[in-house]
N, C-alpha and C. Protein backbone atom coordinates (compact mmCIF):
# COMPACT_ATOMS: atom_id res chain seq x y z
N MET A 1 -8.19 55.53 6.15
CA MET A 1 -9.30 55.12 5.57
C MET A 1 -9.37 54.11 4.20
N LYS A 2 -8.49 55.00 3.33
CA LYS A 2 -8.31 53.97 1.87
C LYS A 2 -7.00 53.02 2.38
N THR A 3 -6.36 53.01 2.95
CA THR A 3 -5.44 51.69 3.41
C THR A 3 -6.64 50.77 4.19
N THR A 4 -7.69 51.32 5.21
CA THR A 4 -8.39 50.00 5.56
C THR A 4 -9.40 49.64 4.46
N LEU A 5 -9.85 50.62 3.76
CA LEU A 5 -10.94 50.05 3.10
C LEU A 5 -10.20 49.29 1.97
N PHE A 6 -8.89 49.13 1.38
CA PHE A 6 -8.33 48.71 0.49
C PHE A 6 -7.72 46.88 0.96
N TYR A 7 -7.33 46.82 2.82
CA TYR A 7 -7.36 45.58 3.20
C TYR A 7 -8.23 44.88 3.12
N LEU A 8 -9.77 45.54 3.16
CA LEU A 8 -11.04 44.80 3.64
C LEU A 8 -11.46 44.55 2.20
N ILE A 9 -11.15 44.92 1.02
CA ILE A 9 -11.31 44.52 -0.27
C ILE A 9 -10.25 43.53 -0.32
N PHE A 10 -9.10 43.10 0.09
CA PHE A 10 -8.44 42.48 -0.69
C PHE A 10 -8.75 41.25 0.36
N ILE A 11 -9.29 41.04 1.74
CA ILE A 11 -9.55 39.98 2.52
C ILE A 11 -10.31 39.45 1.88
N LEU A 12 -11.69 40.27 1.39
CA LEU A 12 -12.75 39.53 0.74
C LEU A 12 -12.71 38.88 -0.44
N ILE A 13 -11.99 39.23 -1.92
CA ILE A 13 -11.31 38.75 -2.74
C ILE A 13 -10.63 37.56 -2.06
N CYS A 14 -9.61 37.28 -1.07
CA CYS A 14 -8.94 36.49 -0.69
C CYS A 14 -10.31 35.21 -0.55
N TRP A 15 -10.99 35.44 0.33
CA TRP A 15 -12.27 34.75 0.87
C TRP A 15 -12.85 34.04 0.06
N GLY A 16 -12.79 34.83 -1.16
CA GLY A 16 -13.87 34.34 -1.83
C GLY A 16 -13.17 33.63 -2.85
N CYS A 17 -12.09 33.72 -3.27
CA CYS A 17 -11.34 32.36 -4.10
C CYS A 17 -10.95 31.14 -2.87
N THR A 18 -10.99 31.66 -1.90
CA THR A 18 -10.63 30.02 -1.48
C THR A 18 -11.70 29.05 -0.90
N LYS A 19 -12.82 30.07 -0.81
CA LYS A 19 -13.60 29.75 -0.51
C LYS A 19 -14.58 28.88 -2.34
N GLU A 20 -14.38 29.54 -3.38
CA GLU A 20 -14.48 28.66 -4.75
C GLU A 20 -13.70 27.82 -4.89
N LYS A 21 -12.58 27.49 -4.40
CA LYS A 21 -11.96 26.60 -4.45
C LYS A 21 -12.25 24.99 -3.62
N SER A 22 -12.28 25.58 -2.17
CA SER A 22 -12.88 24.76 -1.61
C SER A 22 -14.00 23.80 -2.01
N ASP A 23 -15.49 24.39 -2.84
CA ASP A 23 -16.61 23.98 -3.40
C ASP A 23 -15.87 23.30 -4.54
N ASN A 24 -14.95 23.56 -5.10
CA ASN A 24 -14.64 23.14 -6.82
C ASN A 24 -13.99 21.63 -5.99
N LEU A 25 -13.33 21.05 -5.03
CA LEU A 25 -13.01 20.01 -4.32
C LEU A 25 -14.06 18.97 -3.93
N THR A 26 -15.36 19.84 -3.65
CA THR A 26 -16.61 18.84 -3.10
C THR A 26 -17.46 18.22 -4.27
N GLN A 27 -17.33 18.71 -5.15
CA GLN A 27 -18.14 18.64 -6.59
C GLN A 27 -18.66 17.32 -6.77
N PHE A 28 -17.47 16.42 -6.37
CA PHE A 28 -17.56 15.00 -6.60
C PHE A 28 -18.34 14.24 -5.78
N THR A 29 -19.32 12.71 -6.21
CA THR A 29 -20.07 12.57 -5.49
C THR A 29 -19.82 11.06 -4.61
N GLU A 30 -18.74 10.27 -5.55
CA GLU A 30 -18.24 9.05 -5.16
C GLU A 30 -17.13 8.92 -5.96
N LEU A 31 -16.32 7.64 -5.30
CA LEU A 31 -14.72 7.25 -5.22
C LEU A 31 -15.18 5.73 -5.42
N SER A 32 -14.80 5.56 -6.99
CA SER A 32 -15.07 3.99 -7.18
C SER A 32 -14.11 3.51 -7.94
N PHE A 33 -14.02 2.25 -7.66
CA PHE A 33 -12.76 1.53 -8.02
C PHE A 33 -12.87 0.41 -9.41
N TYR A 34 -12.37 0.50 -10.50
CA TYR A 34 -12.98 -0.09 -11.82
C TYR A 34 -11.46 -0.96 -11.71
N PHE A 35 -12.21 -2.70 -12.84
CA PHE A 35 -10.82 -3.11 -13.09
C PHE A 35 -10.61 -2.27 -14.70
N THR A 36 -9.58 -3.09 -15.34
CA THR A 36 -9.10 -2.12 -16.24
C THR A 36 -9.17 -3.67 -17.12
N THR A 37 -9.06 -3.32 -18.76
CA THR A 37 -9.03 -4.71 -19.58
C THR A 37 -7.64 -4.97 -19.54
N ASP A 38 -6.97 -4.77 -18.75
CA ASP A 38 -5.56 -5.16 -18.60
C ASP A 38 -5.60 -6.54 -17.87
N THR A 39 -5.01 -8.03 -17.95
CA THR A 39 -5.36 -8.91 -17.16
C THR A 39 -4.49 -9.39 -16.23
N SER A 40 -3.02 -8.85 -16.63
CA SER A 40 -2.14 -8.73 -15.81
C SER A 40 -0.92 -7.88 -16.32
N VAL A 41 -0.81 -6.80 -14.81
CA VAL A 41 -0.06 -5.84 -15.22
C VAL A 41 1.27 -5.76 -14.36
N ARG A 42 2.33 -5.64 -15.34
CA ARG A 42 3.94 -5.91 -14.45
C ARG A 42 4.55 -4.45 -15.01
N THR A 43 3.99 -3.65 -16.04
CA THR A 43 4.76 -2.86 -16.58
C THR A 43 4.12 -1.70 -16.13
N VAL A 44 4.51 -0.31 -15.83
CA VAL A 44 3.53 0.90 -15.56
C VAL A 44 2.68 1.35 -16.41
N LEU A 45 1.65 1.49 -15.80
CA LEU A 45 0.29 2.01 -16.79
C LEU A 45 0.35 3.27 -17.09
N ASP A 46 -0.49 3.73 -17.98
CA ASP A 46 -0.66 4.77 -18.43
C ASP A 46 -1.93 4.98 -18.51
N ILE A 47 -2.08 5.82 -17.51
CA ILE A 47 -3.66 6.00 -17.18
C ILE A 47 -4.41 7.10 -18.54
N ASP A 48 -3.88 7.80 -19.14
CA ASP A 48 -4.43 8.33 -20.10
C ASP A 48 -5.16 7.42 -21.03
N ASN A 49 -4.38 6.03 -21.38
CA ASN A 49 -4.89 4.94 -22.32
C ASN A 49 -5.05 3.61 -21.99
N ILE A 50 -6.01 3.65 -20.81
CA ILE A 50 -6.30 2.44 -20.18
C ILE A 50 -8.02 2.69 -20.31
N GLN A 51 -8.27 1.41 -20.68
CA GLN A 51 -9.59 1.01 -20.67
C GLN A 51 -10.51 0.33 -19.45
N ILE A 52 -11.63 1.01 -18.83
CA ILE A 52 -12.24 0.69 -17.93
C ILE A 52 -13.02 -0.68 -18.55
N GLU A 53 -13.52 -1.78 -17.49
CA GLU A 53 -14.58 -3.08 -17.64
C GLU A 53 -15.90 -2.28 -16.87
N GLY A 54 -16.75 -2.71 -17.56
CA GLY A 54 -18.35 -2.41 -16.70
C GLY A 54 -18.10 -1.51 -15.33
N ASP A 55 -18.99 -2.22 -14.21
CA ASP A 55 -19.47 -2.10 -13.29
C ASP A 55 -18.14 -2.01 -12.16
N PRO A 56 -17.92 -0.89 -11.33
CA PRO A 56 -17.00 -0.83 -10.42
C PRO A 56 -16.78 -2.38 -9.58
N PHE A 57 -15.71 -3.08 -9.02
CA PHE A 57 -15.37 -3.76 -8.64
C PHE A 57 -15.50 -3.40 -6.63
N ILE A 58 -15.19 -1.87 -6.36
CA ILE A 58 -15.49 -1.33 -5.15
C ILE A 58 -16.39 -0.27 -5.33
N PRO A 59 -17.65 -0.30 -5.40
CA PRO A 59 -18.31 1.25 -5.38
C PRO A 59 -18.28 1.55 -4.19
N TYR A 60 -18.26 3.19 -4.36
CA TYR A 60 -18.39 3.93 -3.34
C TYR A 60 -19.54 3.86 -2.39
N SER A 61 -20.74 3.15 -2.12
CA SER A 61 -21.38 2.88 -1.38
C SER A 61 -20.61 1.94 -0.66
N GLU A 62 -19.59 0.82 -0.36
CA GLU A 62 -18.83 -0.62 -0.22
C GLU A 62 -17.78 0.12 0.86
N ILE A 63 -17.57 1.83 0.61
CA ILE A 63 -16.11 1.96 1.45
C ILE A 63 -16.93 2.71 2.75
N VAL A 64 -16.43 2.09 3.62
CA VAL A 64 -16.77 2.31 5.42
C VAL A 64 -15.58 3.59 5.54
N SER A 65 -14.44 3.52 4.98
CA SER A 65 -14.02 4.41 5.36
C SER A 65 -12.02 4.37 4.97
N TYR A 66 -11.19 5.34 5.27
CA TYR A 66 -9.90 5.58 4.60
C TYR A 66 -9.34 6.21 5.41
N ASP A 67 -7.97 5.29 6.21
CA ASP A 67 -6.98 6.09 6.32
C ASP A 67 -5.87 6.16 5.71
N SER A 68 -5.79 7.81 5.46
CA SER A 68 -4.73 8.38 4.48
C SER A 68 -3.42 8.47 5.15
N ALA A 69 -3.09 8.35 6.30
CA ALA A 69 -1.60 8.06 6.74
C ALA A 69 -1.38 6.94 6.26
N ARG A 70 -1.75 5.58 6.63
CA ARG A 70 -1.46 4.24 6.29
C ARG A 70 -1.87 4.10 4.84
N HIS A 71 -2.89 4.74 4.30
CA HIS A 71 -3.47 4.75 2.81
C HIS A 71 -4.31 3.01 3.32
N ILE A 72 -5.06 2.76 3.98
CA ILE A 72 -5.90 1.73 4.12
C ILE A 72 -7.32 2.19 4.27
N LEU A 73 -7.76 1.08 3.19
CA LEU A 73 -9.31 1.09 2.55
C LEU A 73 -10.04 0.37 3.34
N GLU A 74 -11.11 0.66 4.29
CA GLU A 74 -11.97 -0.45 5.31
C GLU A 74 -13.22 -0.53 3.98
N LEU A 75 -13.45 -1.79 3.61
CA LEU A 75 -15.01 -1.85 2.80
C LEU A 75 -16.02 -2.65 4.27
N ASP A 76 -17.21 -2.55 3.52
CA ASP A 76 -18.10 -3.31 4.46
C ASP A 76 -18.49 -4.77 4.31
N HIS A 77 -17.62 -5.59 3.47
CA HIS A 77 -17.91 -6.89 3.45
C HIS A 77 -15.89 -7.23 3.27
N ARG A 78 -16.00 -8.34 3.70
CA ARG A 78 -14.86 -9.60 3.67
C ARG A 78 -13.82 -9.38 2.61
N ILE A 79 -12.92 -9.08 1.92
CA ILE A 79 -12.18 -8.92 0.79
C ILE A 79 -11.24 -9.78 0.56
N ASP A 80 -11.31 -10.87 1.19
CA ASP A 80 -10.38 -11.69 0.78
C ASP A 80 -10.29 -12.90 -0.76
N THR A 81 -11.76 -12.94 -1.09
CA THR A 81 -12.13 -12.74 -2.44
C THR A 81 -11.31 -12.30 -3.79
N LEU A 82 -11.00 -11.41 -3.40
CA LEU A 82 -10.12 -10.37 -4.85
C LEU A 82 -8.75 -11.24 -4.50
N PHE A 83 -8.18 -11.85 -4.18
CA PHE A 83 -6.97 -12.44 -3.81
C PHE A 83 -7.14 -14.34 -4.02
N ASP A 84 -8.38 -14.28 -4.17
CA ASP A 84 -8.66 -15.96 -4.50
C ASP A 84 -8.54 -16.06 -5.78
N TYR A 85 -7.48 -17.26 -5.80
CA TYR A 85 -6.69 -17.12 -6.96
C TYR A 85 -7.65 -17.94 -8.23
N THR A 86 -8.56 -18.42 -7.82
CA THR A 86 -9.34 -19.49 -8.99
C THR A 86 -10.64 -17.92 -9.61
N GLY A 87 -10.50 -17.15 -9.00
CA GLY A 87 -11.22 -15.54 -9.35
C GLY A 87 -10.26 -14.98 -10.47
N ASN A 88 -9.25 -15.27 -10.38
CA ASN A 88 -7.99 -14.35 -11.52
C ASN A 88 -8.05 -13.06 -11.30
N TYR A 89 -8.44 -12.33 -9.72
CA TYR A 89 -7.95 -11.14 -10.11
C TYR A 89 -6.92 -10.22 -9.59
N ASP A 90 -5.87 -11.47 -8.98
CA ASP A 90 -4.38 -11.01 -8.50
C ASP A 90 -3.71 -10.26 -9.71
N GLY A 91 -2.89 -9.03 -9.70
CA GLY A 91 -2.64 -8.92 -10.91
C GLY A 91 -3.24 -7.92 -12.03
N ARG A 92 -4.46 -7.98 -11.94
CA ARG A 92 -5.07 -7.33 -12.83
C ARG A 92 -5.08 -5.60 -12.45
N GLY A 93 -5.83 -5.21 -13.66
CA GLY A 93 -5.16 -3.72 -13.38
C GLY A 93 -6.38 -2.86 -13.19
N PHE A 94 -6.54 -1.87 -12.45
CA PHE A 94 -7.31 -1.08 -11.76
C PHE A 94 -7.56 0.58 -11.88
N VAL A 95 -8.56 1.09 -12.14
CA VAL A 95 -8.39 2.65 -11.92
C VAL A 95 -8.97 2.91 -10.66
N ALA A 96 -8.66 4.03 -9.91
CA ALA A 96 -9.74 4.67 -8.86
C ALA A 96 -10.05 5.76 -9.83
N MET A 97 -11.61 5.97 -9.84
CA MET A 97 -12.43 6.95 -10.46
C MET A 97 -12.87 8.19 -9.08
N LEU A 98 -13.02 8.98 -9.63
CA LEU A 98 -13.94 10.18 -8.88
C LEU A 98 -15.09 10.86 -9.65
N ASP A 99 -16.38 9.72 -9.81
CA ASP A 99 -17.63 10.04 -10.59
C ASP A 99 -17.05 9.38 -12.10
N THR A 100 -16.43 10.25 -13.19
CA THR A 100 -15.79 9.09 -14.19
C THR A 100 -14.68 10.16 -14.60
N THR A 101 -14.09 10.77 -13.53
CA THR A 101 -12.68 11.61 -13.87
C THR A 101 -11.67 10.21 -13.15
N LYS A 102 -11.27 9.96 -13.94
CA LYS A 102 -9.43 8.97 -13.80
C LYS A 102 -8.47 9.62 -12.58
N ILE A 103 -8.72 9.20 -11.22
CA ILE A 103 -7.27 9.91 -10.72
C ILE A 103 -6.47 9.17 -10.79
N TYR A 104 -6.36 7.74 -10.36
CA TYR A 104 -4.91 7.36 -10.40
C TYR A 104 -5.42 5.41 -10.65
N CYS A 105 -3.96 4.95 -11.36
CA CYS A 105 -4.50 3.33 -11.44
C CYS A 105 -3.27 2.39 -11.16
N GLY A 106 -3.10 1.38 -11.26
CA GLY A 106 -2.39 0.69 -10.98
C GLY A 106 -2.81 -1.46 -11.10
N ALA A 107 -2.35 -1.68 -9.56
CA ALA A 107 -2.59 -3.50 -10.03
C ALA A 107 -2.81 -4.04 -8.62
N LEU A 108 -4.24 -5.21 -8.85
CA LEU A 108 -4.28 -5.85 -7.49
C LEU A 108 -2.93 -6.94 -7.16
N TYR A 109 -2.67 -6.76 -6.19
CA TYR A 109 -1.33 -7.53 -5.89
C TYR A 109 -1.78 -8.27 -4.57
N SER A 110 -1.66 -9.59 -4.59
CA SER A 110 -1.75 -10.07 -3.32
C SER A 110 -0.20 -9.91 -2.72
N PRO A 111 -0.42 -9.98 -1.53
CA PRO A 111 1.35 -9.51 -0.52
C PRO A 111 2.04 -10.79 -0.86
N ILE A 112 1.93 -11.95 -1.11
CA ILE A 112 2.65 -12.62 -1.25
C ILE A 112 3.37 -13.22 -2.87
N HIS A 113 3.63 -11.90 -3.23
CA HIS A 113 4.32 -12.00 -4.73
C HIS A 113 5.82 -11.51 -4.30
N SER A 114 6.95 -12.80 -5.04
CA SER A 114 8.03 -12.81 -5.20
C SER A 114 8.50 -11.46 -6.21
N SER A 115 7.62 -10.87 -7.03
CA SER A 115 8.29 -9.98 -8.11
C SER A 115 7.68 -8.51 -7.73
N THR A 116 8.57 -7.66 -8.22
CA THR A 116 7.83 -6.26 -7.73
C THR A 116 7.00 -5.88 -8.76
N ASN A 117 6.30 -4.66 -8.73
CA ASN A 117 5.20 -3.91 -9.33
C ASN A 117 5.48 -2.27 -9.27
N PRO A 118 5.75 -1.86 -10.30
CA PRO A 118 6.16 -0.42 -10.57
C PRO A 118 5.11 0.55 -10.46
N ASN A 119 3.58 0.40 -10.19
CA ASN A 119 2.50 0.80 -10.09
C ASN A 119 1.88 1.09 -8.86
N ILE A 120 1.28 1.70 -8.35
CA ILE A 120 0.22 1.80 -7.12
C ILE A 120 -0.82 0.17 -7.23
N VAL A 121 -0.43 -0.28 -6.27
CA VAL A 121 -1.02 -1.29 -6.22
C VAL A 121 -1.69 -1.94 -4.70
N ILE A 122 -3.25 -2.73 -4.80
CA ILE A 122 -3.87 -3.07 -3.67
C ILE A 122 -3.58 -4.37 -3.83
N THR A 123 -3.24 -4.05 -2.15
CA THR A 123 -2.85 -5.88 -1.62
C THR A 123 -3.43 -5.78 -0.03
N LEU A 124 -3.94 -6.97 0.35
CA LEU A 124 -3.82 -7.06 1.92
C LEU A 124 -3.45 -6.38 2.55
N PRO A 125 -3.23 -5.92 3.73
CA PRO A 125 -2.37 -4.79 4.34
C PRO A 125 -1.46 -6.38 5.41
N CYS A 126 -0.12 -6.31 5.48
CA CYS A 126 0.37 -7.06 6.73
C CYS A 126 0.72 -6.78 7.71
N ASP A 127 -0.21 -6.21 8.49
CA ASP A 127 -0.19 -5.77 9.97
C ASP A 127 -1.08 -6.59 10.62
N GLU A 128 -1.06 -6.71 11.98
CA GLU A 128 -1.61 -6.67 12.99
C GLU A 128 -3.29 -6.19 12.94
N ILE A 129 -2.86 -4.87 12.88
CA ILE A 129 -3.81 -4.09 13.26
C ILE A 129 -5.42 -4.20 12.11
N SER A 130 -5.12 -3.81 10.89
CA SER A 130 -6.14 -4.29 9.74
C SER A 130 -6.93 -5.46 10.19
N GLY A 131 -8.51 -5.41 9.80
CA GLY A 131 -9.09 -6.81 9.58
C GLY A 131 -9.13 -7.36 8.20
N ASP A 132 -10.25 -7.98 8.03
CA ASP A 132 -10.45 -9.02 7.16
C ASP A 132 -11.25 -8.20 6.00
N HIS A 133 -11.42 -6.99 6.36
CA HIS A 133 -12.69 -6.01 5.48
C HIS A 133 -11.51 -4.86 4.77
N CYS A 134 -10.01 -4.99 5.33
CA CYS A 134 -9.54 -4.04 4.75
C CYS A 134 -8.59 -4.47 3.70
N LEU A 135 -8.24 -2.99 2.81
CA LEU A 135 -7.60 -3.10 1.60
C LEU A 135 -5.95 -1.88 1.92
N GLN A 136 -4.55 -2.33 1.38
CA GLN A 136 -3.96 -1.21 1.42
C GLN A 136 -3.26 -0.97 0.01
N ILE A 137 -3.42 0.34 0.03
CA ILE A 137 -2.95 1.31 -1.51
C ILE A 137 -1.45 1.61 -0.88
N LEU A 138 -0.50 0.86 -1.89
CA LEU A 138 0.89 0.89 -1.53
C LEU A 138 1.53 1.69 -2.95
N GLU A 139 2.31 2.66 -2.81
CA GLU A 139 2.83 3.15 -4.02
C GLU A 139 3.91 2.41 -4.33
N GLY A 140 4.02 1.36 -4.96
CA GLY A 140 4.80 0.88 -5.43
C GLY A 140 4.85 -0.87 -4.56
N TYR A 141 5.33 -1.89 -5.33
CA TYR A 141 5.52 -3.16 -4.36
C TYR A 141 6.86 -4.27 -4.57
N PRO A 142 7.11 -4.15 -3.85
CA PRO A 142 6.62 -4.06 -2.21
C PRO A 142 7.28 -2.80 -1.54
N ASN A 143 7.66 -1.64 -1.63
CA ASN A 143 7.71 0.02 -1.07
C ASN A 143 7.63 0.70 -2.19
N GLU A 144 7.93 1.55 -1.93
CA GLU A 144 7.92 2.95 -3.22
C GLU A 144 9.04 3.46 -3.40
N ASP A 145 10.38 2.54 -3.19
CA ASP A 145 11.36 2.65 -3.69
C ASP A 145 11.13 1.60 -4.91
N TYR A 146 9.81 0.91 -5.38
CA TYR A 146 9.57 0.68 -6.84
C TYR A 146 9.15 1.15 -7.88
N TYR A 147 8.00 2.13 -7.32
CA TYR A 147 7.32 2.98 -8.01
C TYR A 147 7.62 4.01 -8.88
N ALA A 148 7.13 3.74 -9.77
CA ALA A 148 7.95 4.47 -10.74
C ALA A 148 6.93 5.51 -11.93
N GLY A 149 5.66 5.95 -11.13
CA GLY A 149 5.13 6.19 -11.45
C GLY A 149 4.62 7.67 -11.02
N HIS A 150 3.35 8.36 -10.98
CA HIS A 150 2.95 9.82 -10.48
C HIS A 150 1.87 9.42 -9.24
N SER A 151 2.09 9.48 -8.14
CA SER A 151 0.84 9.09 -7.15
C SER A 151 -0.11 10.28 -6.74
N ASP A 152 -0.97 10.11 -6.95
CA ASP A 152 -2.13 11.10 -6.39
C ASP A 152 -3.05 9.88 -5.46
N VAL A 153 -2.76 8.87 -4.92
CA VAL A 153 -3.36 8.07 -3.88
C VAL A 153 -3.89 8.81 -2.98
N ASN A 154 -3.55 10.20 -1.94
CA ASN A 154 -3.95 10.87 -1.38
C ASN A 154 -4.55 12.57 -1.88
N ASP A 155 -5.19 12.30 -3.15
CA ASP A 155 -5.40 13.45 -3.93
C ASP A 155 -6.70 13.90 -3.00
N PRO A 156 -5.93 15.71 -3.32
CA PRO A 156 -6.94 16.48 -2.48
C PRO A 156 -8.64 16.05 -2.78
N ARG A 157 -8.71 16.10 -3.97
CA ARG A 157 -10.46 15.72 -4.00
C ARG A 157 -10.99 14.31 -3.63
N ILE A 158 -9.90 13.21 -3.56
CA ILE A 158 -10.47 12.20 -2.89
C ILE A 158 -10.70 12.43 -1.34
N ILE A 159 -9.28 12.58 -0.77
CA ILE A 159 -9.57 13.43 0.73
C ILE A 159 -10.95 14.29 1.15
N GLU A 160 -11.11 15.49 0.38
CA GLU A 160 -12.36 16.11 0.81
C GLU A 160 -13.49 15.44 0.60
N LEU A 161 -13.50 14.74 -0.48
CA LEU A 161 -15.10 13.82 -0.58
C LEU A 161 -15.00 13.00 0.88
N LEU A 162 -14.06 12.33 1.02
CA LEU A 162 -14.28 11.32 2.17
C LEU A 162 -14.43 11.74 3.50
N LYS A 163 -14.11 13.27 3.79
CA LYS A 163 -14.16 13.92 4.97
C LYS A 163 -15.43 14.30 4.63
N ARG A 164 -15.95 14.95 3.85
CA ARG A 164 -17.20 15.47 3.34
C ARG A 164 -18.28 14.50 4.37
N ASP A 165 -18.04 13.00 3.72
CA ASP A 165 -18.92 11.94 3.53
C ASP A 165 -18.75 11.15 5.30
N HIS A 166 -17.90 11.44 5.70
CA HIS A 166 -17.52 11.15 7.15
C HIS A 166 -16.94 9.66 7.27
N LYS A 167 -16.21 9.61 5.92
CA LYS A 167 -15.64 8.01 5.50
C LYS A 167 -13.78 8.46 5.85
N LEU A 168 -13.73 9.52 6.31
CA LEU A 168 -11.97 9.56 6.26
C LEU A 168 -11.36 9.17 7.99
N ASN A 169 -10.09 8.62 7.85
CA ASN A 169 -9.98 8.30 9.50
C ASN A 169 -8.74 9.28 9.82
């Protein structure tokens, strides 16, 4: 009897701790992307020391879906203006934020660069599957061999938020 009671209490404690952790992940309400004050990023960014500018260039309301396996972010509008050279966005630093919490940072980088970048990079997908509303998030450019930071692209808090809001593919 004591053994059964012990196991029952143990299971309830474990279940309670798991539920609390899960609720903790879903406390965030939005994922948005902000430009940093860095105008041309070529070195590894320090997330703790970067400054963001004004409003997000990708607010959560514009995110349609996210494919966590391919790191493809689909927006509700065409994204080619981000890499229009007259806009001066190519090479700009960015920060991905859950509400006001910085999660990861990197640079916008068009897919035609001949130089490498050691940060997380947002670029246009180079595949036949993605459309003109999609961005790809890479861990280093042109591939992860060049990445010199710590990746949180699929941070569990981001995945849980997108899953909760039916935006995760």
